[in-house]
Amino acid sequence: MTTGELTTFLADHKKGFGVSSGLTIAGTITKFLDHKEKAPRKHTARKITSDSLYRYKFVLDSLNEFCASKGIVLIKDITFSVVDAWSDTWNLDSQAAKRGRQEKVRNFIKFCLSHAVDDKPKSPRILATNPIAEWESFALDKKDDAVSQARIIRPKVLAKIMNAVDEVDMTPENRVRVKACMRLQLEAGLLSWMPSCCTR
């Protein structure tokens, strides 16, 4: 914990903030994913796709595993230094993939800041302060083909790619394996070749 984080923690503790939430990281992830699955998205009545939900779970489970390895169990004990150290373990060459993973974590923290621990009246927020407020966004180098906008797979394009897999003659087991492989490649920023392959 950095000096700044310790100062914030002590100030919040004195005010009674952030000390009532005894939710675990794993439990909070479950609440977040359940909310994402049931709540309609902004600007559309459609709910989150199963692929997007899978990616959120993949990223947040990774964060939870890292925290567990450091002895961190409760959501209120996550600090910027912890998240920063976790991001250093990402085996991602693509800045776009790093940015995408970062945004998923930010959305998770926003949920914790805006939602109460439970449905009881006057229940405290899951998090009282933002532990990753100083986390700078990964910059996208548009001159680098590996992270250029033209090669970033958008949700609608990804949905078409996934649907194309269903049109290929293969066993159900192989179809599941192919889609799982594609999701892993997306997380690693390696899906730029998929459209051309799936249209052949």
N, C-alpha and C. Protein backbone atom coordinates (compact mmCIF):
# COMPACT_ATOMS: atom_id res chain seq x y z
N MET A 1 0.85 -1.19 0.00
CA MET A 1 0.00 0.00 0.00
C MET A 1 0.88 1.24 0.00
N THR A 2 0.62 2.15 -0.93
CA THR A 2 1.41 3.36 -1.02
C THR A 2 1.02 4.33 0.10
N THR A 3 1.82 5.39 0.28
CA THR A 3 1.53 6.38 1.32
C THR A 3 0.19 7.05 1.07
N GLY A 4 -0.08 7.37 -0.23
CA GLY A 4 -1.35 8.00 -0.58
C GLY A 4 -2.53 7.10 -0.29
N GLU A 5 -2.38 5.82 -0.60
CA GLU A 5 -3.46 4.87 -0.35
C GLU A 5 -3.71 4.70 1.14
N LEU A 6 -2.64 4.69 1.94
CA LEU A 6 -2.77 4.56 3.38
C LEU A 6 -3.47 5.78 3.97
N THR A 7 -3.12 6.97 3.47
CA THR A 7 -3.76 8.20 3.93
C THR A 7 -5.26 8.19 3.65
N THR A 8 -5.61 7.76 2.42
CA THR A 8 -7.02 7.68 2.05
C THR A 8 -7.76 6.67 2.90
N PHE A 9 -7.13 5.51 3.13
CA PHE A 9 -7.75 4.46 3.92
C PHE A 9 -8.03 4.94 5.34
N LEU A 10 -7.05 5.62 5.96
CA LEU A 10 -7.20 6.09 7.34
C LEU A 10 -8.28 7.17 7.43
N ALA A 11 -8.32 8.04 6.41
CA ALA A 11 -9.34 9.10 6.39
C ALA A 11 -10.73 8.50 6.25
N ASP A 12 -10.88 7.52 5.37
CA ASP A 12 -12.17 6.86 5.18
C ASP A 12 -12.58 6.11 6.44
N HIS A 13 -11.60 5.47 7.07
CA HIS A 13 -11.89 4.70 8.28
C HIS A 13 -12.40 5.63 9.39
N LYS A 14 -11.80 6.80 9.50
CA LYS A 14 -12.20 7.77 10.51
C LYS A 14 -13.63 8.25 10.28
N LYS A 15 -14.01 8.39 8.99
CA LYS A 15 -15.37 8.83 8.65
C LYS A 15 -16.38 7.69 8.68
N GLY A 16 -15.87 6.47 8.80
CA GLY A 16 -16.77 5.32 8.80
C GLY A 16 -17.07 4.80 7.42
N PHE A 17 -16.27 5.24 6.43
CA PHE A 17 -16.46 4.80 5.05
C PHE A 17 -15.68 3.52 4.79
N GLY A 18 -16.25 2.69 3.98
CA GLY A 18 -15.51 1.56 3.44
C GLY A 18 -15.17 0.47 4.44
N VAL A 19 -15.71 0.56 5.66
CA VAL A 19 -15.37 -0.44 6.66
C VAL A 19 -16.51 -1.43 6.88
N SER A 20 -17.69 -1.12 6.35
CA SER A 20 -18.84 -2.00 6.55
C SER A 20 -18.94 -3.08 5.48
N SER A 21 -18.27 -2.86 4.37
CA SER A 21 -18.35 -3.82 3.26
C SER A 21 -17.37 -4.96 3.47
N GLY A 22 -17.92 -6.09 3.89
CA GLY A 22 -17.08 -7.25 4.10
C GLY A 22 -17.18 -8.23 2.95
N LEU A 23 -17.63 -7.74 1.80
CA LEU A 23 -17.78 -8.62 0.65
C LEU A 23 -16.42 -9.09 0.15
N THR A 24 -16.37 -10.34 -0.24
CA THR A 24 -15.14 -10.85 -0.84
C THR A 24 -15.06 -10.41 -2.29
N ILE A 25 -13.87 -10.49 -2.85
CA ILE A 25 -13.69 -10.14 -4.26
C ILE A 25 -14.50 -11.10 -5.12
N ALA A 26 -14.44 -12.38 -4.79
CA ALA A 26 -15.18 -13.40 -5.56
C ALA A 26 -16.68 -13.14 -5.49
N GLY A 27 -17.17 -12.81 -4.29
CA GLY A 27 -18.60 -12.54 -4.13
C GLY A 27 -19.04 -11.31 -4.89
N THR A 28 -18.18 -10.29 -4.91
CA THR A 28 -18.50 -9.06 -5.63
C THR A 28 -18.51 -9.29 -7.13
N ILE A 29 -17.59 -10.10 -7.61
CA ILE A 29 -17.56 -10.44 -9.04
C ILE A 29 -18.85 -11.14 -9.43
N THR A 30 -19.32 -12.04 -8.59
CA THR A 30 -20.58 -12.74 -8.86
C THR A 30 -21.74 -11.76 -8.95
N LYS A 31 -21.80 -10.79 -8.01
CA LYS A 31 -22.85 -9.78 -8.03
C LYS A 31 -22.77 -8.94 -9.29
N PHE A 32 -21.55 -8.57 -9.69
CA PHE A 32 -21.35 -7.75 -10.87
C PHE A 32 -21.79 -8.48 -12.14
N LEU A 33 -21.37 -9.72 -12.29
CA LEU A 33 -21.71 -10.49 -13.48
C LEU A 33 -23.22 -10.74 -13.55
N ASP A 34 -23.83 -10.97 -12.40
CA ASP A 34 -25.28 -11.16 -12.35
C ASP A 34 -25.99 -9.88 -12.79
N HIS A 35 -25.46 -8.75 -12.35
CA HIS A 35 -26.03 -7.46 -12.74
C HIS A 35 -25.87 -7.23 -14.25
N LYS A 36 -24.67 -7.51 -14.78
CA LYS A 36 -24.41 -7.31 -16.20
C LYS A 36 -25.31 -8.20 -17.05
N GLU A 37 -25.57 -9.40 -16.56
CA GLU A 37 -26.37 -10.36 -17.33
C GLU A 37 -27.84 -9.96 -17.37
N LYS A 38 -28.33 -9.34 -16.30
CA LYS A 38 -29.76 -9.04 -16.21
C LYS A 38 -30.12 -7.62 -16.61
N ALA A 39 -29.20 -6.69 -16.42
CA ALA A 39 -29.51 -5.28 -16.69
C ALA A 39 -29.34 -4.94 -18.16
N PRO A 40 -30.28 -4.19 -18.75
CA PRO A 40 -30.13 -3.76 -20.15
C PRO A 40 -29.00 -2.76 -20.26
N ARG A 41 -28.34 -2.75 -21.41
CA ARG A 41 -27.23 -1.83 -21.63
C ARG A 41 -27.74 -0.45 -22.01
N LYS A 42 -26.87 0.56 -21.84
CA LYS A 42 -27.23 1.92 -22.22
C LYS A 42 -27.44 2.00 -23.73
N HIS A 43 -28.40 2.82 -24.12
CA HIS A 43 -28.69 3.11 -25.53
C HIS A 43 -29.26 1.89 -26.28
N THR A 44 -29.54 0.82 -25.60
CA THR A 44 -30.15 -0.34 -26.25
C THR A 44 -30.88 -1.18 -25.22
N ALA A 45 -31.95 -1.83 -25.67
CA ALA A 45 -32.73 -2.67 -24.75
C ALA A 45 -32.13 -4.07 -24.64
N ARG A 46 -31.16 -4.36 -25.51
CA ARG A 46 -30.56 -5.69 -25.51
C ARG A 46 -29.63 -5.88 -24.32
N LYS A 47 -29.58 -7.09 -23.83
CA LYS A 47 -28.70 -7.41 -22.72
C LYS A 47 -27.31 -7.77 -23.25
N ILE A 48 -26.37 -7.88 -22.35
CA ILE A 48 -25.00 -8.18 -22.71
C ILE A 48 -24.92 -9.56 -23.37
N THR A 49 -24.05 -9.71 -24.35
CA THR A 49 -23.91 -10.99 -25.04
C THR A 49 -23.13 -11.98 -24.16
N SER A 50 -23.31 -13.25 -24.45
CA SER A 50 -22.62 -14.28 -23.68
C SER A 50 -21.11 -14.16 -23.85
N ASP A 51 -20.66 -13.75 -25.03
CA ASP A 51 -19.22 -13.59 -25.28
C ASP A 51 -18.64 -12.46 -24.44
N SER A 52 -19.36 -11.34 -24.34
CA SER A 52 -18.89 -10.22 -23.53
C SER A 52 -18.87 -10.60 -22.05
N LEU A 53 -19.89 -11.33 -21.64
CA LEU A 53 -19.95 -11.77 -20.25
C LEU A 53 -18.79 -12.71 -19.94
N TYR A 54 -18.46 -13.56 -20.89
CA TYR A 54 -17.33 -14.48 -20.72
C TYR A 54 -16.03 -13.70 -20.54
N ARG A 55 -15.84 -12.65 -21.33
CA ARG A 55 -14.61 -11.87 -21.26
C ARG A 55 -14.49 -11.15 -19.92
N TYR A 56 -15.61 -10.63 -19.43
CA TYR A 56 -15.60 -9.99 -18.11
C TYR A 56 -15.19 -11.01 -17.05
N LYS A 57 -15.76 -12.19 -17.12
CA LYS A 57 -15.46 -13.22 -16.11
C LYS A 57 -13.99 -13.63 -16.20
N PHE A 58 -13.48 -13.76 -17.42
CA PHE A 58 -12.08 -14.15 -17.62
C PHE A 58 -11.14 -13.14 -16.97
N VAL A 59 -11.38 -11.85 -17.22
CA VAL A 59 -10.51 -10.80 -16.69
C VAL A 59 -10.62 -10.70 -15.17
N LEU A 60 -11.84 -10.68 -14.65
CA LEU A 60 -12.03 -10.50 -13.22
C LEU A 60 -11.60 -11.72 -12.42
N ASP A 61 -11.75 -12.90 -12.97
CA ASP A 61 -11.25 -14.11 -12.30
C ASP A 61 -9.73 -14.06 -12.20
N SER A 62 -9.09 -13.52 -13.25
CA SER A 62 -7.64 -13.36 -13.23
C SER A 62 -7.22 -12.40 -12.12
N LEU A 63 -7.95 -11.30 -11.98
CA LEU A 63 -7.66 -10.33 -10.92
C LEU A 63 -7.85 -10.99 -9.55
N ASN A 64 -8.93 -11.73 -9.40
CA ASN A 64 -9.20 -12.41 -8.13
C ASN A 64 -8.10 -13.41 -7.77
N GLU A 65 -7.64 -14.15 -8.75
CA GLU A 65 -6.57 -15.13 -8.51
C GLU A 65 -5.28 -14.44 -8.09
N PHE A 66 -4.98 -13.31 -8.73
CA PHE A 66 -3.78 -12.57 -8.37
C PHE A 66 -3.88 -12.05 -6.93
N CYS A 67 -5.04 -11.48 -6.60
CA CYS A 67 -5.24 -10.96 -5.25
C CYS A 67 -5.13 -12.08 -4.22
N ALA A 68 -5.72 -13.23 -4.53
CA ALA A 68 -5.66 -14.37 -3.61
C ALA A 68 -4.22 -14.80 -3.36
N SER A 69 -3.39 -14.72 -4.42
CA SER A 69 -1.98 -15.10 -4.27
C SER A 69 -1.23 -14.14 -3.36
N LYS A 70 -1.80 -12.94 -3.18
CA LYS A 70 -1.18 -11.94 -2.31
C LYS A 70 -1.87 -11.88 -0.95
N GLY A 71 -2.80 -12.82 -0.72
CA GLY A 71 -3.51 -12.85 0.55
C GLY A 71 -4.62 -11.84 0.66
N ILE A 72 -5.06 -11.29 -0.47
CA ILE A 72 -6.13 -10.28 -0.48
C ILE A 72 -7.44 -10.97 -0.84
N VAL A 73 -8.41 -10.89 0.06
CA VAL A 73 -9.68 -11.59 -0.11
C VAL A 73 -10.86 -10.63 -0.25
N LEU A 74 -10.85 -9.56 0.52
CA LEU A 74 -11.98 -8.62 0.54
C LEU A 74 -11.83 -7.55 -0.54
N ILE A 75 -12.96 -7.16 -1.11
CA ILE A 75 -12.96 -6.17 -2.19
C ILE A 75 -12.41 -4.83 -1.70
N LYS A 76 -12.66 -4.46 -0.45
CA LYS A 76 -12.20 -3.17 0.06
C LYS A 76 -10.68 -3.11 0.24
N ASP A 77 -10.03 -4.25 0.16
CA ASP A 77 -8.57 -4.28 0.33
C ASP A 77 -7.81 -4.18 -0.99
N ILE A 78 -8.55 -4.07 -2.11
CA ILE A 78 -7.88 -3.86 -3.41
C ILE A 78 -7.38 -2.43 -3.47
N THR A 79 -6.12 -2.26 -3.84
CA THR A 79 -5.52 -0.93 -3.97
C THR A 79 -4.96 -0.76 -5.37
N PHE A 80 -4.60 0.49 -5.69
CA PHE A 80 -4.03 0.75 -7.01
C PHE A 80 -2.74 -0.03 -7.21
N SER A 81 -1.91 -0.09 -6.19
CA SER A 81 -0.63 -0.78 -6.32
C SER A 81 -0.83 -2.26 -6.62
N VAL A 82 -1.89 -2.84 -6.08
CA VAL A 82 -2.20 -4.26 -6.34
C VAL A 82 -2.62 -4.43 -7.80
N VAL A 83 -3.54 -3.58 -8.26
CA VAL A 83 -4.02 -3.67 -9.64
C VAL A 83 -2.90 -3.38 -10.62
N ASP A 84 -2.05 -2.42 -10.28
CA ASP A 84 -0.92 -2.07 -11.14
C ASP A 84 0.04 -3.24 -11.26
N ALA A 85 0.30 -3.90 -10.13
CA ALA A 85 1.20 -5.06 -10.15
C ALA A 85 0.59 -6.20 -10.95
N TRP A 86 -0.72 -6.36 -10.84
CA TRP A 86 -1.43 -7.40 -11.61
C TRP A 86 -1.31 -7.13 -13.11
N SER A 87 -1.46 -5.86 -13.50
CA SER A 87 -1.40 -5.53 -14.93
C SER A 87 -0.01 -5.80 -15.51
N ASP A 88 1.01 -5.77 -14.66
CA ASP A 88 2.36 -6.08 -15.12
C ASP A 88 2.53 -7.55 -15.48
N THR A 89 1.59 -8.39 -15.05
CA THR A 89 1.68 -9.83 -15.34
C THR A 89 0.97 -10.20 -16.64
N TRP A 90 0.28 -9.24 -17.25
CA TRP A 90 -0.44 -9.54 -18.48
C TRP A 90 0.52 -9.87 -19.61
N ASN A 91 0.29 -10.97 -20.25
CA ASN A 91 1.11 -11.35 -21.40
C ASN A 91 0.43 -10.89 -22.68
N LEU A 92 0.28 -9.59 -22.81
CA LEU A 92 -0.40 -8.99 -23.96
C LEU A 92 0.54 -8.03 -24.67
N ASP A 93 0.75 -8.24 -25.95
CA ASP A 93 1.58 -7.32 -26.74
C ASP A 93 0.75 -6.16 -27.29
N SER A 94 -0.53 -6.42 -27.49
CA SER A 94 -1.41 -5.43 -28.08
C SER A 94 -1.88 -4.40 -27.05
N GLN A 95 -1.64 -3.13 -27.35
CA GLN A 95 -2.12 -2.06 -26.47
C GLN A 95 -3.65 -2.04 -26.44
N ALA A 96 -4.26 -2.39 -27.58
CA ALA A 96 -5.72 -2.42 -27.64
C ALA A 96 -6.29 -3.47 -26.70
N ALA A 97 -5.63 -4.62 -26.63
CA ALA A 97 -6.09 -5.68 -25.73
C ALA A 97 -5.92 -5.25 -24.27
N LYS A 98 -4.81 -4.55 -23.99
CA LYS A 98 -4.58 -4.05 -22.63
C LYS A 98 -5.65 -3.02 -22.26
N ARG A 99 -5.94 -2.13 -23.20
CA ARG A 99 -6.96 -1.11 -22.95
C ARG A 99 -8.32 -1.78 -22.70
N GLY A 100 -8.64 -2.79 -23.49
CA GLY A 100 -9.92 -3.48 -23.31
C GLY A 100 -10.02 -4.14 -21.95
N ARG A 101 -8.94 -4.76 -21.51
CA ARG A 101 -8.93 -5.40 -20.20
C ARG A 101 -9.04 -4.35 -19.09
N GLN A 102 -8.37 -3.23 -19.28
CA GLN A 102 -8.41 -2.15 -18.30
C GLN A 102 -9.83 -1.59 -18.15
N GLU A 103 -10.52 -1.43 -19.27
CA GLU A 103 -11.87 -0.88 -19.23
C GLU A 103 -12.84 -1.83 -18.51
N LYS A 104 -12.61 -3.11 -18.64
CA LYS A 104 -13.47 -4.07 -17.93
C LYS A 104 -13.29 -3.94 -16.42
N VAL A 105 -12.06 -3.74 -15.99
CA VAL A 105 -11.80 -3.55 -14.56
C VAL A 105 -12.42 -2.24 -14.09
N ARG A 106 -12.32 -1.21 -14.89
CA ARG A 106 -12.91 0.08 -14.52
C ARG A 106 -14.42 -0.02 -14.39
N ASN A 107 -15.05 -0.74 -15.29
CA ASN A 107 -16.50 -0.93 -15.21
C ASN A 107 -16.88 -1.69 -13.94
N PHE A 108 -16.06 -2.64 -13.58
CA PHE A 108 -16.28 -3.41 -12.35
C PHE A 108 -16.20 -2.50 -11.13
N ILE A 109 -15.19 -1.64 -11.08
CA ILE A 109 -15.02 -0.72 -9.95
C ILE A 109 -16.16 0.30 -9.91
N LYS A 110 -16.59 0.78 -11.07
CA LYS A 110 -17.72 1.71 -11.13
C LYS A 110 -18.97 1.08 -10.53
N PHE A 111 -19.15 -0.20 -10.81
CA PHE A 111 -20.28 -0.93 -10.23
C PHE A 111 -20.18 -0.93 -8.71
N CYS A 112 -18.98 -1.18 -8.20
CA CYS A 112 -18.76 -1.24 -6.75
C CYS A 112 -19.00 0.11 -6.09
N LEU A 113 -18.69 1.19 -6.79
CA LEU A 113 -18.86 2.54 -6.25
C LEU A 113 -20.31 3.00 -6.27
N SER A 114 -21.10 2.44 -7.17
CA SER A 114 -22.48 2.91 -7.34
C SER A 114 -23.54 1.96 -6.79
N HIS A 115 -23.13 0.78 -6.32
CA HIS A 115 -24.09 -0.19 -5.81
C HIS A 115 -23.84 -0.51 -4.34
N ALA A 116 -24.93 -0.74 -3.64
CA ALA A 116 -24.85 -1.04 -2.22
C ALA A 116 -24.48 -2.50 -2.00
N VAL A 117 -24.04 -2.78 -0.78
CA VAL A 117 -23.65 -4.14 -0.42
C VAL A 117 -24.82 -5.10 -0.55
N ASP A 118 -26.03 -4.63 -0.16
CA ASP A 118 -27.24 -5.45 -0.26
C ASP A 118 -28.43 -4.53 -0.50
N ASP A 119 -29.63 -5.09 -0.43
CA ASP A 119 -30.84 -4.32 -0.73
C ASP A 119 -31.45 -3.66 0.51
N LYS A 120 -30.78 -3.75 1.63
CA LYS A 120 -31.31 -3.16 2.85
C LYS A 120 -31.20 -1.63 2.80
N PRO A 121 -32.16 -0.92 3.44
CA PRO A 121 -32.10 0.55 3.44
C PRO A 121 -30.80 1.06 4.07
N LYS A 122 -30.24 2.10 3.46
CA LYS A 122 -29.03 2.76 3.95
C LYS A 122 -27.80 1.84 4.01
N SER A 123 -27.82 0.79 3.23
CA SER A 123 -26.64 -0.07 3.18
C SER A 123 -25.49 0.68 2.52
N PRO A 124 -24.26 0.46 2.97
CA PRO A 124 -23.12 1.18 2.38
C PRO A 124 -22.81 0.69 0.97
N ARG A 125 -22.13 1.51 0.23
CA ARG A 125 -21.67 1.11 -1.09
C ARG A 125 -20.64 0.00 -0.94
N ILE A 126 -20.51 -0.80 -1.97
CA ILE A 126 -19.51 -1.88 -1.94
C ILE A 126 -18.13 -1.28 -1.74
N LEU A 127 -17.85 -0.19 -2.45
CA LEU A 127 -16.60 0.56 -2.26
C LEU A 127 -16.94 2.02 -2.00
N ALA A 128 -16.25 2.62 -1.05
CA ALA A 128 -16.48 4.02 -0.73
C ALA A 128 -15.62 4.94 -1.57
N THR A 129 -14.43 4.47 -1.94
CA THR A 129 -13.52 5.27 -2.76
C THR A 129 -12.99 4.43 -3.91
N ASN A 130 -12.54 5.14 -4.95
CA ASN A 130 -12.04 4.46 -6.15
C ASN A 130 -10.57 4.11 -5.98
N PRO A 131 -10.23 2.82 -5.89
CA PRO A 131 -8.82 2.44 -5.68
C PRO A 131 -7.95 2.57 -6.92
N ILE A 132 -8.57 2.74 -8.09
CA ILE A 132 -7.77 2.81 -9.33
C ILE A 132 -7.95 4.15 -10.04
N ALA A 133 -8.30 5.18 -9.27
CA ALA A 133 -8.53 6.50 -9.87
C ALA A 133 -7.31 7.02 -10.60
N GLU A 134 -6.11 6.67 -10.14
CA GLU A 134 -4.88 7.17 -10.77
C GLU A 134 -4.34 6.25 -11.86
N TRP A 135 -5.09 5.23 -12.21
CA TRP A 135 -4.64 4.28 -13.24
C TRP A 135 -4.76 4.91 -14.61
N GLU A 136 -3.66 5.21 -15.24
CA GLU A 136 -3.67 5.84 -16.55
C GLU A 136 -4.03 4.84 -17.64
N SER A 137 -4.78 5.30 -18.63
CA SER A 137 -5.21 4.43 -19.72
C SER A 137 -4.02 4.03 -20.60
N PHE A 138 -4.06 2.81 -21.08
CA PHE A 138 -3.04 2.36 -22.03
C PHE A 138 -3.27 3.09 -23.35
N ALA A 139 -2.23 3.71 -23.85
CA ALA A 139 -2.35 4.50 -25.08
C ALA A 139 -2.38 3.58 -26.29
N LEU A 140 -3.24 3.93 -27.26
CA LEU A 140 -3.31 3.19 -28.51
C LEU A 140 -2.40 3.85 -29.54
N ASP A 141 -1.42 3.10 -30.02
CA ASP A 141 -0.53 3.61 -31.05
C ASP A 141 -1.14 3.28 -32.41
N LYS A 142 -1.79 4.26 -33.02
CA LYS A 142 -2.49 4.03 -34.28
C LYS A 142 -1.55 3.77 -35.45
N LYS A 143 -0.26 4.06 -35.27
CA LYS A 143 0.71 3.79 -36.34
C LYS A 143 1.16 2.33 -36.33
N ASP A 144 0.83 1.65 -35.26
CA ASP A 144 1.23 0.26 -35.12
C ASP A 144 0.09 -0.63 -35.60
N ASP A 145 0.32 -1.40 -36.67
CA ASP A 145 -0.74 -2.24 -37.23
C ASP A 145 -1.31 -3.20 -36.20
N ALA A 146 -0.51 -3.60 -35.25
CA ALA A 146 -0.97 -4.57 -34.26
C ALA A 146 -2.07 -4.02 -33.37
N VAL A 147 -2.15 -2.69 -33.25
CA VAL A 147 -3.17 -2.09 -32.39
C VAL A 147 -3.99 -1.04 -33.12
N SER A 148 -3.93 -1.00 -34.44
CA SER A 148 -4.67 0.01 -35.19
C SER A 148 -6.16 -0.25 -35.09
N GLN A 149 -6.93 0.83 -35.28
CA GLN A 149 -8.38 0.73 -35.18
C GLN A 149 -8.94 -0.25 -36.21
N ALA A 150 -8.28 -0.34 -37.37
CA ALA A 150 -8.78 -1.20 -38.43
C ALA A 150 -8.74 -2.67 -38.06
N ARG A 151 -7.88 -3.03 -37.09
CA ARG A 151 -7.72 -4.44 -36.76
C ARG A 151 -8.34 -4.82 -35.42
N ILE A 152 -8.99 -3.84 -34.77
CA ILE A 152 -9.68 -4.14 -33.52
C ILE A 152 -11.03 -4.77 -33.85
N ILE A 153 -11.29 -5.94 -33.31
CA ILE A 153 -12.54 -6.63 -33.58
C ILE A 153 -13.66 -6.04 -32.74
N ARG A 154 -14.64 -5.46 -33.39
CA ARG A 154 -15.77 -4.86 -32.70
C ARG A 154 -16.80 -5.92 -32.34
N PRO A 155 -17.66 -5.64 -31.33
CA PRO A 155 -18.66 -6.63 -30.89
C PRO A 155 -19.54 -7.18 -32.00
N LYS A 156 -20.03 -6.30 -32.90
CA LYS A 156 -20.91 -6.77 -33.97
C LYS A 156 -20.16 -7.68 -34.94
N VAL A 157 -18.89 -7.33 -35.21
CA VAL A 157 -18.09 -8.16 -36.11
C VAL A 157 -17.80 -9.50 -35.46
N LEU A 158 -17.48 -9.48 -34.16
CA LEU A 158 -17.21 -10.71 -33.45
C LEU A 158 -18.42 -11.63 -33.45
N ALA A 159 -19.61 -11.04 -33.31
CA ALA A 159 -20.85 -11.84 -33.32
C ALA A 159 -21.02 -12.54 -34.66
N LYS A 160 -20.69 -11.82 -35.75
CA LYS A 160 -20.79 -12.42 -37.09
C LYS A 160 -19.79 -13.56 -37.24
N ILE A 161 -18.60 -13.37 -36.68
CA ILE A 161 -17.57 -14.40 -36.76
C ILE A 161 -18.03 -15.65 -36.01
N MET A 162 -18.57 -15.45 -34.82
CA MET A 162 -19.05 -16.57 -34.02
C MET A 162 -20.19 -17.30 -34.73
N ASN A 163 -21.08 -16.54 -35.36
CA ASN A 163 -22.19 -17.15 -36.11
C ASN A 163 -21.68 -17.94 -37.30
N ALA A 164 -20.59 -17.45 -37.90
CA ALA A 164 -20.01 -18.16 -39.05
C ALA A 164 -19.50 -19.53 -38.65
N VAL A 165 -19.03 -19.66 -37.42
CA VAL A 165 -18.55 -20.96 -36.93
C VAL A 165 -19.69 -21.97 -36.92
N ASP A 166 -20.89 -21.50 -36.58
CA ASP A 166 -22.05 -22.39 -36.53
C ASP A 166 -22.44 -22.93 -37.91
N GLU A 167 -22.03 -22.22 -38.96
CA GLU A 167 -22.38 -22.64 -40.31
C GLU A 167 -21.39 -23.64 -40.90
N VAL A 168 -20.28 -23.85 -40.21
CA VAL A 168 -19.26 -24.79 -40.67
C VAL A 168 -19.61 -26.19 -40.19
N ASP A 169 -19.44 -27.17 -41.06
CA ASP A 169 -19.75 -28.55 -40.71
C ASP A 169 -18.67 -29.12 -39.79
N MET A 170 -19.02 -29.29 -38.53
CA MET A 170 -18.09 -29.86 -37.55
C MET A 170 -18.90 -30.42 -36.39
N THR A 171 -18.26 -31.21 -35.57
CA THR A 171 -18.96 -31.79 -34.42
C THR A 171 -19.23 -30.71 -33.39
N PRO A 172 -20.28 -30.89 -32.57
CA PRO A 172 -20.57 -29.91 -31.52
C PRO A 172 -19.38 -29.67 -30.60
N GLU A 173 -18.63 -30.75 -30.32
CA GLU A 173 -17.48 -30.62 -29.42
C GLU A 173 -16.42 -29.71 -30.03
N ASN A 174 -16.14 -29.89 -31.33
CA ASN A 174 -15.14 -29.06 -32.00
C ASN A 174 -15.61 -27.61 -32.12
N ARG A 175 -16.92 -27.43 -32.29
CA ARG A 175 -17.46 -26.08 -32.39
C ARG A 175 -17.22 -25.32 -31.08
N VAL A 176 -17.44 -26.00 -29.98
CA VAL A 176 -17.20 -25.38 -28.68
C VAL A 176 -15.73 -25.04 -28.51
N ARG A 177 -14.85 -25.97 -28.96
CA ARG A 177 -13.41 -25.75 -28.84
C ARG A 177 -12.96 -24.55 -29.68
N VAL A 178 -13.49 -24.44 -30.89
CA VAL A 178 -13.11 -23.35 -31.79
C VAL A 178 -13.51 -22.00 -31.18
N LYS A 179 -14.73 -21.92 -30.67
CA LYS A 179 -15.20 -20.67 -30.08
C LYS A 179 -14.40 -20.30 -28.84
N ALA A 180 -14.06 -21.30 -28.04
CA ALA A 180 -13.26 -21.04 -26.84
C ALA A 180 -11.88 -20.52 -27.23
N CYS A 181 -11.30 -21.11 -28.29
CA CYS A 181 -9.99 -20.69 -28.76
C CYS A 181 -10.05 -19.24 -29.27
N MET A 182 -11.12 -18.91 -29.97
CA MET A 182 -11.29 -17.56 -30.50
C MET A 182 -11.40 -16.53 -29.38
N ARG A 183 -12.10 -16.91 -28.31
CA ARG A 183 -12.25 -15.98 -27.18
C ARG A 183 -10.89 -15.72 -26.52
N LEU A 184 -10.10 -16.79 -26.38
CA LEU A 184 -8.77 -16.64 -25.79
C LEU A 184 -7.88 -15.77 -26.66
N GLN A 185 -7.99 -15.96 -27.98
CA GLN A 185 -7.19 -15.15 -28.90
C GLN A 185 -7.60 -13.69 -28.85
N LEU A 186 -8.89 -13.45 -28.67
CA LEU A 186 -9.38 -12.08 -28.56
C LEU A 186 -8.76 -11.39 -27.35
N GLU A 187 -8.70 -12.10 -26.22
CA GLU A 187 -8.10 -11.54 -25.02
C GLU A 187 -6.62 -11.22 -25.23
N ALA A 188 -5.97 -12.01 -26.09
CA ALA A 188 -4.55 -11.81 -26.35
C ALA A 188 -4.29 -10.85 -27.50
N GLY A 189 -5.36 -10.33 -28.09
CA GLY A 189 -5.22 -9.40 -29.20
C GLY A 189 -4.78 -10.06 -30.49
N LEU A 190 -5.15 -11.32 -30.67
CA LEU A 190 -4.68 -12.07 -31.83
C LEU A 190 -5.78 -12.40 -32.83
N LEU A 191 -6.95 -11.74 -32.70
CA LEU A 191 -8.07 -12.11 -33.55
C LEU A 191 -8.13 -11.37 -34.89
N SER A 192 -7.10 -10.62 -35.25
CA SER A 192 -7.16 -9.80 -36.45
C SER A 192 -7.28 -10.62 -37.73
N TRP A 193 -6.88 -11.89 -37.65
CA TRP A 193 -6.91 -12.70 -38.87
C TRP A 193 -8.22 -13.44 -39.04
N MET A 194 -9.08 -13.43 -38.02
CA MET A 194 -10.25 -14.29 -38.03
C MET A 194 -11.26 -13.98 -39.15
N PRO A 195 -11.59 -12.70 -39.45
CA PRO A 195 -12.58 -12.45 -40.49
C PRO A 195 -12.25 -13.09 -41.83
N SER A 196 -10.99 -12.98 -42.25
CA SER A 196 -10.62 -13.53 -43.54
C SER A 196 -10.71 -15.04 -43.54
N CYS A 197 -10.36 -15.67 -42.42
CA CYS A 197 -10.40 -17.12 -42.35
C CYS A 197 -11.82 -17.64 -42.38
N CYS A 198 -12.71 -16.94 -41.68
CA CYS A 198 -14.09 -17.42 -41.56
C CYS A 198 -14.91 -17.18 -42.81
N THR A 199 -14.40 -16.37 -43.76
CA THR A 199 -15.15 -16.12 -44.98
C THR A 199 -14.64 -16.97 -46.14
N ARG A 200 -13.63 -17.76 -45.88
CA ARG A 200 -13.09 -18.59 -46.96
C ARG A 200 -13.94 -19.85 -47.15
